[in-house]
């Protein structure tokens, strides 16, 4: 497949593994390196029946929730996939992800899920390294 370009798309949500989501004509597109609220031109590099995968070709408008990552290795090592999103927005999307995993994906009826408690420390509190060989 030759890469397909789709212009002027609003990134609407976050998915697992640090990918964002946009919907075009009812089809879900998983996007690398975008945050909800960004308006972008997308380069589709993988197309399936139910979804597509894309990378940003051009940013038209940045999301108000987009921030400059604090880590100089952001986007390279894979350990801090949400660092380009404001911390309070991260908490909101992580809460939604937990609820979606139970209700939409697992189809499990659960009582209301407690709100995630935000941390006062938003950097340098993790103890995780990932290495790919």
N, C-alpha and C. Protein backbone atom coordinates (compact mmCIF):
# COMPACT_ATOMS: atom_id res chain seq x y z
N UNK A 1 0.83 -1.18 0.00
CA UNK A 1 0.00 0.00 0.00
C UNK A 1 0.88 1.25 0.00
N UNK A 2 0.53 2.18 -0.83
CA UNK A 2 1.21 3.47 -0.81
C UNK A 2 0.59 4.32 0.29
N UNK A 3 1.44 5.07 0.99
CA UNK A 3 0.94 5.91 2.08
C UNK A 3 -0.15 6.85 1.56
N UNK A 4 -1.21 6.98 2.35
CA UNK A 4 -2.34 7.82 2.00
C UNK A 4 -2.34 9.02 2.95
N UNK A 5 -2.63 10.20 2.44
CA UNK A 5 -2.64 11.41 3.25
C UNK A 5 -4.09 11.86 3.46
N UNK A 6 -4.41 12.15 4.72
CA UNK A 6 -5.72 12.69 5.07
C UNK A 6 -5.46 14.01 5.77
N UNK A 7 -6.11 15.06 5.31
CA UNK A 7 -5.81 16.41 5.81
C UNK A 7 -6.84 16.92 6.81
N UNK A 8 -6.35 17.78 7.70
CA UNK A 8 -7.18 18.56 8.61
C UNK A 8 -8.06 17.68 9.50
N UNK A 9 -7.42 16.81 10.28
CA UNK A 9 -8.13 15.86 11.14
C UNK A 9 -7.95 16.25 12.60
N UNK A 10 -9.05 16.25 13.35
CA UNK A 10 -9.02 16.52 14.79
C UNK A 10 -8.73 15.22 15.53
N UNK A 11 -7.69 15.23 16.35
CA UNK A 11 -7.39 14.10 17.21
C UNK A 11 -8.34 14.18 18.39
N UNK A 12 -9.10 13.09 18.63
CA UNK A 12 -10.21 13.19 19.57
C UNK A 12 -10.04 12.47 20.89
N UNK A 13 -9.11 11.50 20.97
CA UNK A 13 -9.05 10.69 22.18
C UNK A 13 -7.68 10.05 22.29
N UNK A 14 -7.45 9.39 23.43
CA UNK A 14 -6.22 8.64 23.66
C UNK A 14 -6.54 7.16 23.67
N UNK A 15 -5.60 6.35 23.22
CA UNK A 15 -5.72 4.89 23.25
C UNK A 15 -4.58 4.34 24.11
N UNK A 16 -4.46 3.04 24.12
CA UNK A 16 -3.38 2.39 24.86
C UNK A 16 -2.04 2.63 24.17
N UNK A 17 -0.98 2.38 24.91
CA UNK A 17 0.39 2.46 24.37
C UNK A 17 0.78 3.85 23.88
N UNK A 18 0.14 4.88 24.40
CA UNK A 18 0.52 6.24 24.04
C UNK A 18 0.07 6.71 22.69
N UNK A 19 -0.81 5.96 22.03
CA UNK A 19 -1.33 6.38 20.74
C UNK A 19 -2.59 7.20 20.94
N UNK A 20 -2.84 8.09 19.99
CA UNK A 20 -4.06 8.88 20.01
C UNK A 20 -5.03 8.32 18.98
N UNK A 21 -6.26 8.83 19.03
CA UNK A 21 -7.31 8.34 18.14
C UNK A 21 -7.97 9.50 17.41
N UNK A 22 -8.26 9.25 16.15
CA UNK A 22 -9.14 10.12 15.37
C UNK A 22 -10.12 9.19 14.66
N UNK A 23 -11.25 9.71 14.30
CA UNK A 23 -12.22 8.92 13.53
C UNK A 23 -12.51 9.66 12.24
N UNK A 24 -12.41 8.92 11.14
CA UNK A 24 -12.69 9.47 9.82
C UNK A 24 -13.68 8.54 9.14
N UNK A 25 -14.84 9.07 8.78
CA UNK A 25 -15.90 8.27 8.17
C UNK A 25 -16.22 7.03 8.99
N UNK A 26 -16.23 7.18 10.31
CA UNK A 26 -16.57 6.09 11.21
C UNK A 26 -15.45 5.10 11.48
N UNK A 27 -14.32 5.27 10.84
CA UNK A 27 -13.19 4.35 11.01
C UNK A 27 -12.19 4.94 12.01
N UNK A 28 -11.72 4.12 12.93
CA UNK A 28 -10.76 4.56 13.94
C UNK A 28 -9.36 4.58 13.34
N UNK A 29 -8.63 5.65 13.63
CA UNK A 29 -7.24 5.77 13.20
C UNK A 29 -6.39 5.96 14.45
N UNK A 30 -5.41 5.08 14.64
CA UNK A 30 -4.47 5.18 15.75
C UNK A 30 -3.27 5.99 15.28
N UNK A 31 -2.88 6.99 16.07
CA UNK A 31 -1.87 7.96 15.63
C UNK A 31 -0.73 8.03 16.64
N UNK A 32 0.49 8.01 16.14
CA UNK A 32 1.68 8.20 16.96
C UNK A 32 1.97 9.69 17.12
N UNK A 33 2.44 10.08 18.31
CA UNK A 33 2.96 11.42 18.59
C UNK A 33 1.96 12.56 18.44
N UNK A 34 0.69 12.29 18.70
CA UNK A 34 -0.32 13.34 18.70
C UNK A 34 -1.04 13.29 20.04
N UNK A 35 -1.69 14.38 20.40
CA UNK A 35 -2.49 14.41 21.62
C UNK A 35 -3.89 14.90 21.27
N UNK A 36 -4.89 14.48 22.06
CA UNK A 36 -6.25 14.95 21.79
C UNK A 36 -6.31 16.47 21.74
N UNK A 37 -6.99 16.97 20.74
CA UNK A 37 -7.09 18.41 20.53
C UNK A 37 -6.19 18.91 19.42
N UNK A 38 -5.16 18.14 19.06
CA UNK A 38 -4.33 18.51 17.91
C UNK A 38 -5.17 18.42 16.63
N UNK A 39 -4.91 19.30 15.69
CA UNK A 39 -5.47 19.20 14.35
C UNK A 39 -4.28 18.94 13.43
N UNK A 40 -4.36 17.85 12.65
CA UNK A 40 -3.20 17.37 11.93
C UNK A 40 -3.55 16.89 10.52
N UNK A 41 -2.51 16.81 9.71
CA UNK A 41 -2.57 16.05 8.46
C UNK A 41 -1.94 14.71 8.77
N UNK A 42 -2.62 13.63 8.40
CA UNK A 42 -2.15 12.29 8.73
C UNK A 42 -1.59 11.56 7.52
N UNK A 43 -0.59 10.75 7.78
CA UNK A 43 -0.05 9.84 6.77
C UNK A 43 -0.42 8.43 7.21
N UNK A 44 -1.36 7.81 6.51
CA UNK A 44 -1.80 6.45 6.83
C UNK A 44 -0.76 5.48 6.29
N UNK A 45 -0.18 4.66 7.18
CA UNK A 45 0.83 3.70 6.73
C UNK A 45 0.38 2.25 6.87
N UNK A 46 -0.75 2.04 7.55
CA UNK A 46 -1.28 0.68 7.70
C UNK A 46 -2.80 0.77 7.71
N UNK A 47 -3.42 -0.02 6.86
CA UNK A 47 -4.88 0.03 6.75
C UNK A 47 -5.44 -1.37 6.92
N UNK A 48 -6.37 -1.51 7.85
CA UNK A 48 -7.07 -2.76 8.10
C UNK A 48 -8.56 -2.51 7.91
N UNK A 49 -9.37 -3.57 8.00
CA UNK A 49 -10.81 -3.40 7.83
C UNK A 49 -11.42 -2.51 8.90
N UNK A 50 -11.00 -2.70 10.15
CA UNK A 50 -11.63 -2.00 11.27
C UNK A 50 -10.89 -0.75 11.73
N UNK A 51 -9.64 -0.59 11.34
CA UNK A 51 -8.85 0.55 11.83
C UNK A 51 -7.70 0.82 10.87
N UNK A 52 -7.06 1.97 11.09
CA UNK A 52 -5.85 2.34 10.36
C UNK A 52 -4.82 2.82 11.37
N UNK A 53 -3.56 2.84 10.95
CA UNK A 53 -2.50 3.41 11.76
C UNK A 53 -1.85 4.54 10.97
N UNK A 54 -1.50 5.61 11.67
CA UNK A 54 -0.97 6.79 10.98
C UNK A 54 0.09 7.49 11.81
N UNK A 55 0.84 8.33 11.15
CA UNK A 55 1.76 9.24 11.82
C UNK A 55 1.41 10.65 11.36
N UNK A 56 1.81 11.62 12.13
CA UNK A 56 1.50 13.00 11.80
C UNK A 56 2.42 13.47 10.67
N UNK A 57 1.82 13.99 9.63
CA UNK A 57 2.60 14.58 8.54
C UNK A 57 2.82 16.05 8.76
N UNK A 58 1.83 16.71 9.38
CA UNK A 58 1.90 18.14 9.60
C UNK A 58 0.94 18.51 10.72
N UNK A 59 1.40 19.37 11.63
CA UNK A 59 0.51 19.89 12.66
C UNK A 59 -0.10 21.19 12.15
N UNK A 60 -1.41 21.26 12.14
CA UNK A 60 -2.11 22.47 11.73
C UNK A 60 -2.36 23.35 12.95
N UNK A 61 -2.78 22.70 14.05
CA UNK A 61 -3.05 23.41 15.29
C UNK A 61 -2.70 22.49 16.45
N UNK A 62 -1.98 23.02 17.43
CA UNK A 62 -1.62 22.22 18.60
C UNK A 62 -2.74 22.27 19.63
N UNK A 63 -2.92 21.17 20.33
CA UNK A 63 -3.89 21.06 21.41
C UNK A 63 -3.50 21.98 22.55
N UNK A 64 -4.48 22.58 23.25
CA UNK A 64 -4.15 23.36 24.45
C UNK A 64 -3.59 22.48 25.56
N UNK A 65 -3.81 21.15 25.47
CA UNK A 65 -3.28 20.22 26.48
C UNK A 65 -1.87 19.72 26.16
N UNK A 66 -1.33 20.12 25.02
CA UNK A 66 0.02 19.69 24.63
C UNK A 66 1.05 20.48 25.43
N UNK A 67 2.06 19.77 25.93
CA UNK A 67 3.16 20.40 26.66
C UNK A 67 4.48 19.91 26.10
N UNK A 68 5.53 20.64 26.41
CA UNK A 68 6.87 20.23 26.01
C UNK A 68 7.33 19.12 26.95
N UNK A 69 7.71 17.96 26.42
CA UNK A 69 8.18 16.86 27.29
C UNK A 69 9.42 17.27 28.08
N UNK A 70 9.46 16.86 29.34
CA UNK A 70 10.60 17.19 30.20
C UNK A 70 11.79 16.29 29.92
N UNK A 71 11.55 15.10 29.42
CA UNK A 71 12.62 14.13 29.19
C UNK A 71 13.23 14.32 27.81
N UNK A 72 14.53 14.41 27.76
CA UNK A 72 15.21 14.59 26.46
C UNK A 72 15.11 13.34 25.58
N UNK A 73 14.73 12.20 26.17
CA UNK A 73 14.61 10.96 25.42
C UNK A 73 13.18 10.64 25.03
N UNK A 74 12.26 11.57 25.27
CA UNK A 74 10.86 11.34 24.94
C UNK A 74 10.72 10.98 23.46
N UNK A 75 9.93 9.95 23.22
CA UNK A 75 9.70 9.51 21.84
C UNK A 75 10.73 8.55 21.33
N UNK A 76 11.81 8.32 22.08
CA UNK A 76 12.88 7.43 21.64
C UNK A 76 12.88 6.14 22.44
N UNK A 77 12.91 6.26 23.77
CA UNK A 77 13.07 5.06 24.61
C UNK A 77 11.75 4.34 24.88
N UNK A 78 10.63 5.02 24.81
CA UNK A 78 9.34 4.38 25.04
C UNK A 78 8.89 4.34 26.48
N UNK A 79 9.65 4.89 27.40
CA UNK A 79 9.30 4.83 28.81
C UNK A 79 8.34 5.92 29.27
N UNK A 80 8.18 6.95 28.48
CA UNK A 80 7.32 8.07 28.92
C UNK A 80 6.43 8.50 27.76
N UNK A 81 5.45 7.68 27.48
CA UNK A 81 4.65 7.88 26.27
C UNK A 81 3.63 9.01 26.35
N UNK A 82 3.35 9.52 27.51
CA UNK A 82 2.31 10.54 27.66
C UNK A 82 2.91 11.90 28.03
N UNK A 83 4.19 12.04 27.98
CA UNK A 83 4.83 13.24 28.51
C UNK A 83 4.55 14.50 27.70
N UNK A 84 4.02 14.37 26.50
CA UNK A 84 3.69 15.55 25.72
C UNK A 84 2.25 16.02 25.98
N UNK A 85 1.60 15.42 26.99
CA UNK A 85 0.25 15.78 27.39
C UNK A 85 0.28 16.31 28.82
N UNK A 86 -0.41 17.42 29.07
CA UNK A 86 -0.50 17.99 30.40
C UNK A 86 -0.87 16.91 31.42
N UNK A 87 -0.24 16.95 32.58
CA UNK A 87 -0.43 15.89 33.59
C UNK A 87 -1.90 15.70 33.98
N UNK A 88 -2.62 16.78 34.18
CA UNK A 88 -4.02 16.66 34.59
C UNK A 88 -4.87 16.05 33.48
N UNK A 89 -4.54 16.32 32.23
CA UNK A 89 -5.21 15.67 31.11
C UNK A 89 -4.83 14.19 31.06
N UNK A 90 -3.57 13.86 31.37
CA UNK A 90 -3.15 12.45 31.44
C UNK A 90 -4.03 11.68 32.41
N UNK A 91 -4.23 12.24 33.59
CA UNK A 91 -5.03 11.57 34.62
C UNK A 91 -6.45 11.34 34.10
N UNK A 92 -7.01 12.34 33.45
CA UNK A 92 -8.37 12.23 32.91
C UNK A 92 -8.45 11.09 31.88
N UNK A 93 -7.50 11.03 30.96
CA UNK A 93 -7.53 9.99 29.92
C UNK A 93 -7.22 8.61 30.48
N UNK A 94 -6.36 8.54 31.49
CA UNK A 94 -6.07 7.25 32.13
C UNK A 94 -7.29 6.73 32.87
N UNK A 95 -8.03 7.62 33.52
CA UNK A 95 -9.28 7.24 34.18
C UNK A 95 -10.26 6.67 33.15
N UNK A 96 -10.39 7.36 32.03
CA UNK A 96 -11.29 6.90 30.97
C UNK A 96 -10.84 5.54 30.43
N UNK A 97 -9.54 5.35 30.31
CA UNK A 97 -9.01 4.08 29.80
C UNK A 97 -9.35 2.92 30.73
N UNK A 98 -9.23 3.12 32.03
CA UNK A 98 -9.59 2.09 33.00
C UNK A 98 -11.07 1.74 32.87
N UNK A 99 -11.92 2.77 32.83
CA UNK A 99 -13.35 2.53 32.71
C UNK A 99 -13.70 1.83 31.40
N UNK A 100 -13.09 2.25 30.29
CA UNK A 100 -13.32 1.60 28.99
C UNK A 100 -12.89 0.14 29.01
N UNK A 101 -11.76 -0.16 29.66
CA UNK A 101 -11.28 -1.55 29.70
C UNK A 101 -12.30 -2.47 30.36
N UNK A 102 -12.93 -2.00 31.41
CA UNK A 102 -13.94 -2.81 32.09
C UNK A 102 -15.26 -2.84 31.31
N UNK A 103 -15.77 -1.67 30.98
CA UNK A 103 -17.12 -1.57 30.46
C UNK A 103 -17.23 -1.86 28.97
N UNK A 104 -16.40 -1.23 28.16
CA UNK A 104 -16.54 -1.36 26.71
C UNK A 104 -15.82 -2.59 26.17
N UNK A 105 -14.62 -2.85 26.66
CA UNK A 105 -13.82 -3.95 26.12
C UNK A 105 -14.18 -5.28 26.78
N UNK A 106 -14.12 -5.34 28.12
CA UNK A 106 -14.42 -6.59 28.83
C UNK A 106 -15.92 -6.82 29.00
N UNK A 107 -16.71 -5.75 28.82
CA UNK A 107 -18.16 -5.82 29.00
C UNK A 107 -18.54 -6.36 30.38
N UNK A 108 -17.87 -5.82 31.40
CA UNK A 108 -18.09 -6.21 32.78
C UNK A 108 -18.82 -5.08 33.48
N UNK A 109 -19.90 -5.44 34.16
CA UNK A 109 -20.59 -4.44 34.98
C UNK A 109 -19.83 -4.28 36.28
N UNK A 110 -19.36 -3.09 36.52
CA UNK A 110 -18.63 -2.82 37.76
C UNK A 110 -19.27 -1.63 38.44
N UNK A 111 -19.12 -1.55 39.75
CA UNK A 111 -19.62 -0.35 40.43
C UNK A 111 -18.81 0.86 39.97
N UNK A 112 -19.27 2.06 40.27
CA UNK A 112 -18.50 3.25 39.86
C UNK A 112 -17.04 3.14 40.32
N UNK A 113 -16.14 3.48 39.43
CA UNK A 113 -14.71 3.38 39.71
C UNK A 113 -14.25 4.68 40.36
N UNK A 114 -13.51 4.54 41.43
CA UNK A 114 -13.00 5.72 42.13
C UNK A 114 -12.12 6.55 41.21
N UNK A 115 -12.14 7.84 41.42
CA UNK A 115 -11.33 8.75 40.63
C UNK A 115 -9.86 8.56 40.97
N UNK A 116 -9.03 8.59 39.96
CA UNK A 116 -7.58 8.47 40.17
C UNK A 116 -7.11 9.66 41.00
N UNK A 117 -6.28 9.38 41.97
CA UNK A 117 -5.72 10.43 42.81
C UNK A 117 -4.45 10.95 42.15
N UNK A 118 -4.43 12.22 41.86
CA UNK A 118 -3.26 12.82 41.21
C UNK A 118 -2.09 12.87 42.18
N UNK A 119 -0.89 12.80 41.63
CA UNK A 119 0.31 12.89 42.44
C UNK A 119 0.82 14.33 42.47
N UNK A 120 1.42 14.70 43.58
CA UNK A 120 2.07 16.01 43.64
C UNK A 120 3.36 16.00 42.81
N UNK A 121 3.99 14.84 42.73
CA UNK A 121 5.21 14.67 41.93
C UNK A 121 4.82 14.10 40.57
N UNK A 122 5.09 14.85 39.51
CA UNK A 122 4.72 14.33 38.19
C UNK A 122 5.93 13.82 37.41
N UNK A 123 7.13 14.00 37.94
CA UNK A 123 8.35 13.49 37.31
C UNK A 123 9.23 12.80 38.34
N UNK A 124 10.08 11.93 37.86
CA UNK A 124 11.13 11.30 38.67
C UNK A 124 10.60 10.45 39.82
N UNK A 125 9.44 9.86 39.68
CA UNK A 125 8.94 8.99 40.73
C UNK A 125 8.82 7.54 40.25
N UNK A 126 9.05 7.30 38.97
CA UNK A 126 8.92 5.94 38.44
C UNK A 126 10.24 5.19 38.53
N UNK A 127 10.12 3.90 38.48
CA UNK A 127 11.28 3.04 38.55
C UNK A 127 11.16 1.98 37.46
N UNK A 128 11.18 2.43 36.20
CA UNK A 128 10.95 1.52 35.10
C UNK A 128 11.89 1.87 33.94
N UNK A 129 12.49 0.85 33.36
CA UNK A 129 13.29 0.98 32.16
C UNK A 129 12.84 -0.08 31.18
N UNK A 130 12.80 0.25 29.90
CA UNK A 130 12.49 -0.73 28.87
C UNK A 130 13.60 -0.71 27.84
N UNK A 131 14.11 -1.87 27.51
CA UNK A 131 15.17 -1.97 26.51
C UNK A 131 14.75 -2.97 25.44
N UNK A 132 14.89 -2.59 24.19
CA UNK A 132 14.58 -3.51 23.09
C UNK A 132 15.88 -3.89 22.41
N UNK A 133 16.02 -5.17 22.12
CA UNK A 133 17.21 -5.65 21.43
C UNK A 133 16.83 -6.38 20.18
